[in-house]
């Protein structure tokens, strides 16, 4: 009972004083023994760079396979289809194992009625490490574009 009351007082005091307990989890790395799991690597470059040509081909294949059958524009179907294309692209990109990159996939499908569309994107960009892929699909009924942004995350 005394131990329990001591623990309650300790938690109350740590909350008041702003004290916290930290834990370090370890994992084994080869023959070198235990290494902290979240130790800084001080590595500025990724092991696998974002390959634009591979991603361009991936986006083109998925967009054309999913949109080539489209014969008319229905808003509810196109909203669902754009979500499915984005999810399929994210799964394919995760299999490529681009470490230290945050990937953003944006798919937009609009009806083609001889109107003009201007789209712009704005973000903080590292010219040396960040990149993007862009593909436009169009037929007589729809105009669709897909952007994949890869921003380096240290």
N, C-alpha and C. Protein backbone atom coordinates (compact mmCIF):
# COMPACT_ATOMS: atom_id res chain seq x y z
N UNK A 1 0.82 -1.19 0.00
CA UNK A 1 0.00 0.00 0.00
C UNK A 1 0.87 1.26 0.00
N UNK A 2 1.97 1.23 0.77
CA UNK A 2 2.85 2.38 0.80
C UNK A 2 3.52 2.59 -0.57
N UNK A 3 3.88 1.48 -1.22
CA UNK A 3 4.50 1.58 -2.54
C UNK A 3 3.54 2.22 -3.53
N UNK A 4 2.27 1.82 -3.48
CA UNK A 4 1.27 2.36 -4.39
C UNK A 4 1.08 3.85 -4.16
N UNK A 5 1.00 4.28 -2.91
CA UNK A 5 0.83 5.71 -2.63
C UNK A 5 2.08 6.49 -3.06
N UNK A 6 3.26 5.88 -2.93
CA UNK A 6 4.49 6.53 -3.38
C UNK A 6 4.47 6.74 -4.90
N UNK A 7 4.01 5.73 -5.65
CA UNK A 7 3.94 5.84 -7.11
C UNK A 7 2.95 6.92 -7.53
N UNK A 8 1.82 7.01 -6.84
CA UNK A 8 0.82 8.04 -7.16
C UNK A 8 1.39 9.43 -6.90
N UNK A 9 2.08 9.61 -5.78
CA UNK A 9 2.69 10.90 -5.47
C UNK A 9 3.77 11.25 -6.50
N UNK A 10 4.54 10.24 -6.90
CA UNK A 10 5.61 10.46 -7.87
C UNK A 10 5.04 10.93 -9.20
N UNK A 11 3.96 10.30 -9.65
CA UNK A 11 3.33 10.71 -10.91
C UNK A 11 2.74 12.11 -10.79
N UNK A 12 2.13 12.42 -9.67
CA UNK A 12 1.55 13.75 -9.47
C UNK A 12 2.64 14.81 -9.47
N UNK A 13 3.74 14.56 -8.80
CA UNK A 13 4.83 15.53 -8.75
C UNK A 13 5.50 15.69 -10.11
N UNK A 14 5.65 14.60 -10.84
CA UNK A 14 6.29 14.72 -12.16
C UNK A 14 5.40 15.51 -13.10
N UNK A 15 4.08 15.40 -12.94
CA UNK A 15 3.17 16.19 -13.77
C UNK A 15 3.24 17.66 -13.41
N UNK A 16 3.38 17.96 -12.12
CA UNK A 16 3.44 19.35 -11.67
C UNK A 16 4.77 19.98 -12.07
N UNK A 17 5.86 19.25 -11.89
CA UNK A 17 7.19 19.79 -12.16
C UNK A 17 7.59 19.68 -13.62
N UNK A 18 6.81 19.00 -14.41
CA UNK A 18 7.14 18.84 -15.81
C UNK A 18 8.19 17.78 -16.06
N UNK A 19 8.37 16.87 -15.12
CA UNK A 19 9.35 15.80 -15.29
C UNK A 19 8.73 14.68 -16.12
N UNK A 20 9.53 14.03 -16.86
CA UNK A 20 9.03 12.89 -17.63
C UNK A 20 10.08 11.80 -17.64
N UNK A 21 9.61 10.60 -17.82
CA UNK A 21 10.52 9.47 -17.91
C UNK A 21 10.70 9.13 -19.38
N UNK A 22 11.93 8.95 -19.80
CA UNK A 22 12.17 8.59 -21.19
C UNK A 22 12.65 7.15 -21.25
N UNK A 23 12.28 6.50 -22.31
CA UNK A 23 12.69 5.12 -22.51
C UNK A 23 13.41 5.03 -23.85
N UNK A 24 14.43 4.22 -23.88
CA UNK A 24 15.16 3.97 -25.11
C UNK A 24 15.00 2.51 -25.45
N UNK A 25 14.50 2.23 -26.63
CA UNK A 25 14.34 0.86 -27.07
C UNK A 25 15.55 0.46 -27.90
N UNK A 26 15.99 -0.76 -27.74
CA UNK A 26 17.18 -1.24 -28.43
C UNK A 26 16.81 -2.35 -29.40
N UNK A 27 17.59 -2.46 -30.46
CA UNK A 27 17.48 -3.61 -31.35
C UNK A 27 18.89 -4.03 -31.75
N UNK A 28 19.03 -5.28 -32.16
CA UNK A 28 20.35 -5.79 -32.52
C UNK A 28 20.62 -5.52 -33.99
N UNK A 29 21.84 -5.08 -34.26
CA UNK A 29 22.25 -4.80 -35.62
C UNK A 29 23.49 -5.65 -35.91
N UNK A 30 23.29 -6.80 -36.53
CA UNK A 30 24.40 -7.68 -36.88
C UNK A 30 25.15 -8.16 -35.66
N UNK A 31 26.47 -8.09 -35.73
CA UNK A 31 27.33 -8.56 -34.64
C UNK A 31 27.75 -7.41 -33.72
N UNK A 32 27.27 -6.22 -33.96
CA UNK A 32 27.73 -5.07 -33.20
C UNK A 32 27.01 -4.88 -31.88
N UNK A 33 26.05 -5.72 -31.56
CA UNK A 33 25.36 -5.60 -30.28
C UNK A 33 24.16 -4.70 -30.36
N UNK A 34 23.82 -4.11 -29.22
CA UNK A 34 22.61 -3.31 -29.14
C UNK A 34 22.88 -1.87 -29.57
N UNK A 35 21.96 -1.35 -30.38
CA UNK A 35 22.04 0.02 -30.86
C UNK A 35 20.68 0.66 -30.58
N UNK A 36 20.64 1.89 -30.08
CA UNK A 36 19.34 2.53 -29.88
C UNK A 36 18.58 2.62 -31.21
N UNK A 37 17.28 2.38 -31.14
CA UNK A 37 16.46 2.31 -32.34
C UNK A 37 16.35 3.65 -33.06
N UNK A 38 16.29 4.75 -32.33
CA UNK A 38 16.09 6.06 -32.95
C UNK A 38 17.33 6.93 -32.88
N UNK A 39 18.47 6.32 -33.01
CA UNK A 39 19.72 7.07 -32.99
C UNK A 39 19.87 7.83 -34.30
N UNK A 40 20.40 9.05 -34.24
CA UNK A 40 20.60 9.85 -35.44
C UNK A 40 21.63 9.20 -36.34
N UNK A 41 21.39 9.25 -37.64
CA UNK A 41 22.33 8.67 -38.59
C UNK A 41 23.23 9.73 -39.21
N UNK A 42 22.80 10.98 -39.18
CA UNK A 42 23.54 12.08 -39.78
C UNK A 42 23.79 11.83 -41.26
N UNK A 43 22.88 11.15 -41.88
CA UNK A 43 22.96 10.84 -43.30
C UNK A 43 22.12 11.86 -44.06
N UNK A 44 22.70 12.55 -45.03
CA UNK A 44 21.98 13.58 -45.77
C UNK A 44 21.42 13.07 -47.08
N UNK A 45 21.82 11.92 -47.52
CA UNK A 45 21.36 11.38 -48.79
C UNK A 45 20.60 10.08 -48.56
N UNK A 46 19.56 9.82 -49.34
CA UNK A 46 18.81 8.56 -49.18
C UNK A 46 19.56 7.40 -49.82
N UNK A 47 19.21 6.18 -49.41
CA UNK A 47 19.79 5.00 -50.05
C UNK A 47 19.18 4.79 -51.44
N UNK A 48 17.89 5.07 -51.58
CA UNK A 48 17.20 4.90 -52.86
C UNK A 48 16.62 6.26 -53.27
N UNK A 49 17.20 6.83 -54.31
CA UNK A 49 16.71 8.11 -54.80
C UNK A 49 15.38 7.94 -55.53
N UNK A 50 14.60 9.00 -55.56
CA UNK A 50 13.33 9.02 -56.28
C UNK A 50 13.65 9.02 -57.77
N UNK A 51 13.32 7.93 -58.45
CA UNK A 51 13.63 7.76 -59.87
C UNK A 51 12.46 8.26 -60.70
N UNK A 52 12.64 9.39 -61.38
CA UNK A 52 11.56 10.04 -62.10
C UNK A 52 11.07 9.18 -63.27
N UNK A 53 11.97 8.58 -64.00
CA UNK A 53 11.57 7.79 -65.18
C UNK A 53 10.71 6.60 -64.78
N UNK A 54 11.07 5.92 -63.72
CA UNK A 54 10.29 4.77 -63.25
C UNK A 54 8.90 5.22 -62.81
N UNK A 55 8.85 6.32 -62.06
CA UNK A 55 7.56 6.82 -61.57
C UNK A 55 6.72 7.35 -62.72
N UNK A 56 7.33 8.02 -63.69
CA UNK A 56 6.58 8.49 -64.86
C UNK A 56 5.91 7.33 -65.58
N UNK A 57 6.64 6.26 -65.81
CA UNK A 57 6.07 5.10 -66.48
C UNK A 57 4.97 4.45 -65.64
N UNK A 58 5.17 4.40 -64.33
CA UNK A 58 4.18 3.82 -63.44
C UNK A 58 2.88 4.62 -63.48
N UNK A 59 3.00 5.94 -63.40
CA UNK A 59 1.82 6.81 -63.42
C UNK A 59 1.11 6.69 -64.77
N UNK A 60 1.87 6.70 -65.84
CA UNK A 60 1.27 6.59 -67.18
C UNK A 60 0.52 5.28 -67.34
N UNK A 61 1.12 4.17 -66.94
CA UNK A 61 0.48 2.86 -67.08
C UNK A 61 -0.81 2.78 -66.27
N UNK A 62 -0.77 3.23 -65.04
CA UNK A 62 -1.97 3.15 -64.19
C UNK A 62 -3.07 4.07 -64.70
N UNK A 63 -2.71 5.29 -65.08
CA UNK A 63 -3.72 6.23 -65.57
C UNK A 63 -4.37 5.73 -66.85
N UNK A 64 -3.56 5.24 -67.79
CA UNK A 64 -4.13 4.78 -69.06
C UNK A 64 -4.94 3.51 -68.89
N UNK A 65 -4.51 2.61 -68.02
CA UNK A 65 -5.28 1.37 -67.83
C UNK A 65 -6.61 1.64 -67.14
N UNK A 66 -6.66 2.62 -66.24
CA UNK A 66 -7.90 2.89 -65.51
C UNK A 66 -8.83 3.85 -66.24
N UNK A 67 -8.30 4.72 -67.11
CA UNK A 67 -9.13 5.75 -67.73
C UNK A 67 -9.43 5.52 -69.20
N UNK A 68 -8.79 4.56 -69.83
CA UNK A 68 -8.98 4.38 -71.27
C UNK A 68 -10.39 3.91 -71.63
N UNK A 69 -11.09 3.28 -70.70
CA UNK A 69 -12.44 2.79 -70.96
C UNK A 69 -13.51 3.86 -70.77
N UNK A 70 -13.14 5.02 -70.25
CA UNK A 70 -14.11 6.06 -69.91
C UNK A 70 -14.75 6.64 -71.17
N UNK A 71 -16.09 6.57 -71.23
CA UNK A 71 -16.82 7.09 -72.39
C UNK A 71 -17.69 8.28 -72.05
N UNK A 72 -17.87 8.57 -70.77
CA UNK A 72 -18.64 9.74 -70.36
C UNK A 72 -18.20 10.15 -68.96
N UNK A 73 -18.57 11.37 -68.60
CA UNK A 73 -18.19 11.91 -67.30
C UNK A 73 -19.39 11.83 -66.35
N UNK A 74 -19.20 11.13 -65.23
CA UNK A 74 -20.18 11.08 -64.15
C UNK A 74 -19.44 11.49 -62.87
N UNK A 75 -19.86 12.58 -62.23
CA UNK A 75 -19.09 13.12 -61.09
C UNK A 75 -18.83 12.11 -59.98
N UNK A 76 -19.82 11.34 -59.58
CA UNK A 76 -19.63 10.39 -58.49
C UNK A 76 -18.66 9.28 -58.87
N UNK A 77 -18.78 8.79 -60.10
CA UNK A 77 -17.86 7.73 -60.55
C UNK A 77 -16.43 8.25 -60.67
N UNK A 78 -16.28 9.47 -61.16
CA UNK A 78 -14.93 10.03 -61.33
C UNK A 78 -14.28 10.34 -59.99
N UNK A 79 -15.06 10.75 -59.00
CA UNK A 79 -14.50 10.98 -57.67
C UNK A 79 -13.98 9.67 -57.08
N UNK A 80 -14.76 8.63 -57.23
CA UNK A 80 -14.35 7.31 -56.74
C UNK A 80 -13.13 6.80 -57.51
N UNK A 81 -13.14 7.01 -58.82
CA UNK A 81 -12.04 6.54 -59.67
C UNK A 81 -10.74 7.28 -59.35
N UNK A 82 -10.82 8.58 -59.11
CA UNK A 82 -9.60 9.33 -58.77
C UNK A 82 -9.03 8.85 -57.44
N UNK A 83 -9.90 8.53 -56.48
CA UNK A 83 -9.44 7.99 -55.21
C UNK A 83 -8.77 6.63 -55.41
N UNK A 84 -9.36 5.77 -56.24
CA UNK A 84 -8.79 4.44 -56.49
C UNK A 84 -7.44 4.54 -57.19
N UNK A 85 -7.33 5.44 -58.15
CA UNK A 85 -6.05 5.62 -58.86
C UNK A 85 -4.98 6.10 -57.88
N UNK A 86 -5.32 7.06 -57.03
CA UNK A 86 -4.36 7.55 -56.04
C UNK A 86 -3.92 6.46 -55.08
N UNK A 87 -4.86 5.64 -54.62
CA UNK A 87 -4.52 4.55 -53.70
C UNK A 87 -3.64 3.51 -54.39
N UNK A 88 -3.95 3.20 -55.64
CA UNK A 88 -3.14 2.23 -56.39
C UNK A 88 -1.72 2.75 -56.60
N UNK A 89 -1.59 4.03 -56.91
CA UNK A 89 -0.26 4.63 -57.08
C UNK A 89 0.52 4.63 -55.77
N UNK A 90 -0.14 4.93 -54.67
CA UNK A 90 0.55 4.93 -53.38
C UNK A 90 1.06 3.54 -53.02
N UNK A 91 0.26 2.52 -53.29
CA UNK A 91 0.72 1.15 -53.02
C UNK A 91 1.92 0.80 -53.88
N UNK A 92 1.87 1.16 -55.17
CA UNK A 92 2.98 0.86 -56.06
C UNK A 92 4.24 1.63 -55.65
N UNK A 93 4.08 2.87 -55.21
CA UNK A 93 5.24 3.66 -54.79
C UNK A 93 5.83 3.14 -53.49
N UNK A 94 5.00 2.65 -52.59
CA UNK A 94 5.51 2.10 -51.33
C UNK A 94 6.34 0.85 -51.57
N UNK A 95 6.01 0.09 -52.62
CA UNK A 95 6.79 -1.10 -52.95
C UNK A 95 8.18 -0.75 -53.47
N UNK A 96 8.34 0.45 -54.01
CA UNK A 96 9.64 0.88 -54.53
C UNK A 96 10.62 1.23 -53.42
N UNK A 97 10.14 1.44 -52.21
CA UNK A 97 10.97 1.68 -51.03
C UNK A 97 11.90 2.89 -51.20
N UNK A 98 11.28 4.04 -51.47
CA UNK A 98 12.04 5.29 -51.50
C UNK A 98 12.17 5.76 -50.06
N UNK A 99 13.33 5.46 -49.44
CA UNK A 99 13.51 5.83 -48.05
C UNK A 99 13.74 7.33 -47.93
N UNK A 100 13.30 7.88 -46.84
CA UNK A 100 13.45 9.29 -46.49
C UNK A 100 12.71 10.23 -47.44
N UNK A 101 11.70 9.75 -48.12
CA UNK A 101 10.87 10.61 -48.96
C UNK A 101 9.44 10.57 -48.47
N UNK A 102 8.82 11.72 -48.42
CA UNK A 102 7.38 11.78 -48.20
C UNK A 102 6.74 11.91 -49.57
N UNK A 103 5.82 11.01 -49.86
CA UNK A 103 5.20 10.98 -51.18
C UNK A 103 3.77 11.50 -51.09
N UNK A 104 3.43 12.39 -52.01
CA UNK A 104 2.08 12.95 -52.10
C UNK A 104 1.57 12.66 -53.50
N UNK A 105 0.40 12.04 -53.58
CA UNK A 105 -0.21 11.72 -54.87
C UNK A 105 -1.50 12.51 -54.99
N UNK A 106 -1.63 13.28 -56.08
CA UNK A 106 -2.85 14.04 -56.32
C UNK A 106 -3.38 13.68 -57.70
N UNK A 107 -4.63 13.23 -57.74
CA UNK A 107 -5.29 12.85 -59.00
C UNK A 107 -6.52 13.72 -59.16
N UNK A 108 -6.66 14.35 -60.31
CA UNK A 108 -7.82 15.20 -60.60
C UNK A 108 -8.40 14.79 -61.94
N UNK A 109 -9.73 14.62 -61.97
CA UNK A 109 -10.43 14.28 -63.20
C UNK A 109 -11.55 15.30 -63.38
N UNK A 110 -11.58 15.96 -64.55
CA UNK A 110 -12.62 16.95 -64.84
C UNK A 110 -13.25 16.64 -66.19
N UNK A 111 -14.46 17.18 -66.36
CA UNK A 111 -15.17 16.98 -67.62
C UNK A 111 -14.57 17.90 -68.68
N UNK A 112 -14.48 17.38 -69.87
CA UNK A 112 -13.90 18.16 -70.97
C UNK A 112 -15.02 18.81 -71.77
N UNK A 113 -15.14 20.12 -71.63
CA UNK A 113 -16.16 20.89 -72.34
C UNK A 113 -15.55 22.10 -73.02
N UNK A 114 -14.36 21.96 -73.54
CA UNK A 114 -13.63 23.04 -74.23
C UNK A 114 -13.42 24.27 -73.34
N UNK A 115 -13.21 24.03 -72.07
CA UNK A 115 -12.89 25.11 -71.15
C UNK A 115 -11.40 25.07 -70.86
N UNK A 116 -10.89 26.14 -70.30
CA UNK A 116 -9.47 26.16 -69.93
C UNK A 116 -9.35 25.93 -68.43
N UNK A 117 -8.27 25.28 -68.04
CA UNK A 117 -8.02 24.99 -66.64
C UNK A 117 -6.60 25.42 -66.32
N UNK A 118 -6.47 26.14 -65.23
CA UNK A 118 -5.15 26.54 -64.75
C UNK A 118 -4.99 25.97 -63.34
N UNK A 119 -3.96 25.17 -63.14
CA UNK A 119 -3.71 24.58 -61.83
C UNK A 119 -2.29 24.95 -61.40
N UNK A 120 -2.14 25.26 -60.16
CA UNK A 120 -0.83 25.61 -59.63
C UNK A 120 -0.59 24.92 -58.31
N UNK A 121 0.67 24.64 -58.03
CA UNK A 121 1.05 23.99 -56.79
C UNK A 121 2.14 24.84 -56.15
N UNK A 122 2.10 24.91 -54.84
CA UNK A 122 3.06 25.73 -54.14
C UNK A 122 3.52 25.00 -52.88
N UNK A 123 4.83 24.90 -52.70
CA UNK A 123 5.35 24.27 -51.50
C UNK A 123 6.81 24.67 -51.32
N UNK A 124 7.33 24.38 -50.14
CA UNK A 124 8.74 24.61 -49.86
C UNK A 124 9.53 23.50 -50.52
N UNK A 125 10.55 23.82 -51.29
CA UNK A 125 11.17 22.87 -52.19
C UNK A 125 12.69 22.88 -52.04
N UNK A 126 13.29 21.71 -51.92
CA UNK A 126 14.74 21.56 -51.93
C UNK A 126 15.12 21.10 -53.34
N UNK A 127 15.79 21.95 -54.08
CA UNK A 127 16.07 21.68 -55.49
C UNK A 127 16.96 20.46 -55.66
N UNK A 128 17.84 20.19 -54.72
CA UNK A 128 18.78 19.08 -54.86
C UNK A 128 18.14 17.72 -54.60
N UNK A 129 17.16 17.64 -53.70
CA UNK A 129 16.64 16.34 -53.28
C UNK A 129 15.18 16.09 -53.65
N UNK A 130 14.36 17.13 -53.74
CA UNK A 130 12.94 16.95 -54.01
C UNK A 130 12.69 16.84 -55.51
N UNK A 131 11.60 16.14 -55.85
CA UNK A 131 11.28 15.98 -57.26
C UNK A 131 9.80 15.68 -57.41
N UNK A 132 9.35 15.58 -58.66
CA UNK A 132 7.95 15.30 -58.92
C UNK A 132 7.78 14.59 -60.25
N UNK A 133 6.63 13.97 -60.41
CA UNK A 133 6.24 13.34 -61.66
C UNK A 133 4.85 13.84 -62.01
N UNK A 134 4.59 14.05 -63.29
CA UNK A 134 3.34 14.65 -63.73
C UNK A 134 2.89 13.96 -65.01
N UNK A 135 1.63 13.59 -65.07
CA UNK A 135 1.10 12.96 -66.28
C UNK A 135 -0.32 13.47 -66.53
N UNK A 136 -0.62 13.73 -67.81
CA UNK A 136 -1.94 14.20 -68.22
C UNK A 136 -2.55 13.19 -69.17
N UNK A 137 -3.80 12.81 -68.89
CA UNK A 137 -4.56 11.91 -69.76
C UNK A 137 -5.80 12.67 -70.23
N UNK A 138 -6.07 12.58 -71.54
CA UNK A 138 -7.28 13.22 -72.05
C UNK A 138 -7.87 12.40 -73.18
N UNK A 139 -9.18 12.41 -73.23
CA UNK A 139 -9.91 11.85 -74.36
C UNK A 139 -11.04 12.81 -74.68
N UNK A 140 -12.04 12.38 -75.42
CA UNK A 140 -13.12 13.28 -75.83
C UNK A 140 -14.02 13.69 -74.67
N UNK A 141 -13.99 12.96 -73.56
CA UNK A 141 -14.94 13.20 -72.48
C UNK A 141 -14.31 13.73 -71.20
N UNK A 142 -13.08 13.36 -70.91
CA UNK A 142 -12.46 13.76 -69.65
C UNK A 142 -11.05 14.32 -69.87
N UNK A 143 -10.63 15.06 -68.89
CA UNK A 143 -9.27 15.58 -68.82
C UNK A 143 -8.78 15.24 -67.41
N UNK A 144 -7.73 14.44 -67.30
CA UNK A 144 -7.25 13.98 -65.99
C UNK A 144 -5.75 14.22 -65.88
N UNK A 145 -5.33 14.63 -64.70
CA UNK A 145 -3.90 14.75 -64.45
C UNK A 145 -3.57 14.18 -63.09
N UNK A 146 -2.33 13.73 -62.99
CA UNK A 146 -1.84 13.13 -61.76
C UNK A 146 -0.46 13.71 -61.45
N UNK A 147 -0.28 14.14 -60.22
CA UNK A 147 1.01 14.65 -59.75
C UNK A 147 1.48 13.79 -58.59
N UNK A 148 2.73 13.39 -58.65
CA UNK A 148 3.36 12.67 -57.55
C UNK A 148 4.53 13.52 -57.09
N UNK A 149 4.46 14.00 -55.87
CA UNK A 149 5.53 14.81 -55.29
C UNK A 149 6.33 13.95 -54.32
N UNK A 150 7.64 14.04 -54.42
CA UNK A 150 8.54 13.34 -53.50
C UNK A 150 9.39 14.39 -52.81
N UNK A 151 9.10 14.65 -51.55
CA UNK A 151 9.88 15.62 -50.79
C UNK A 151 10.77 14.88 -49.81
N UNK A 152 12.02 15.25 -49.80
CA UNK A 152 13.01 14.58 -48.96
C UNK A 152 12.74 14.92 -47.50
N UNK A 153 12.78 13.90 -46.65
CA UNK A 153 12.49 14.06 -45.23
C UNK A 153 13.69 13.56 -44.45
N UNK A 154 14.38 14.45 -43.74
CA UNK A 154 15.57 14.06 -42.98
C UNK A 154 15.18 13.39 -41.69
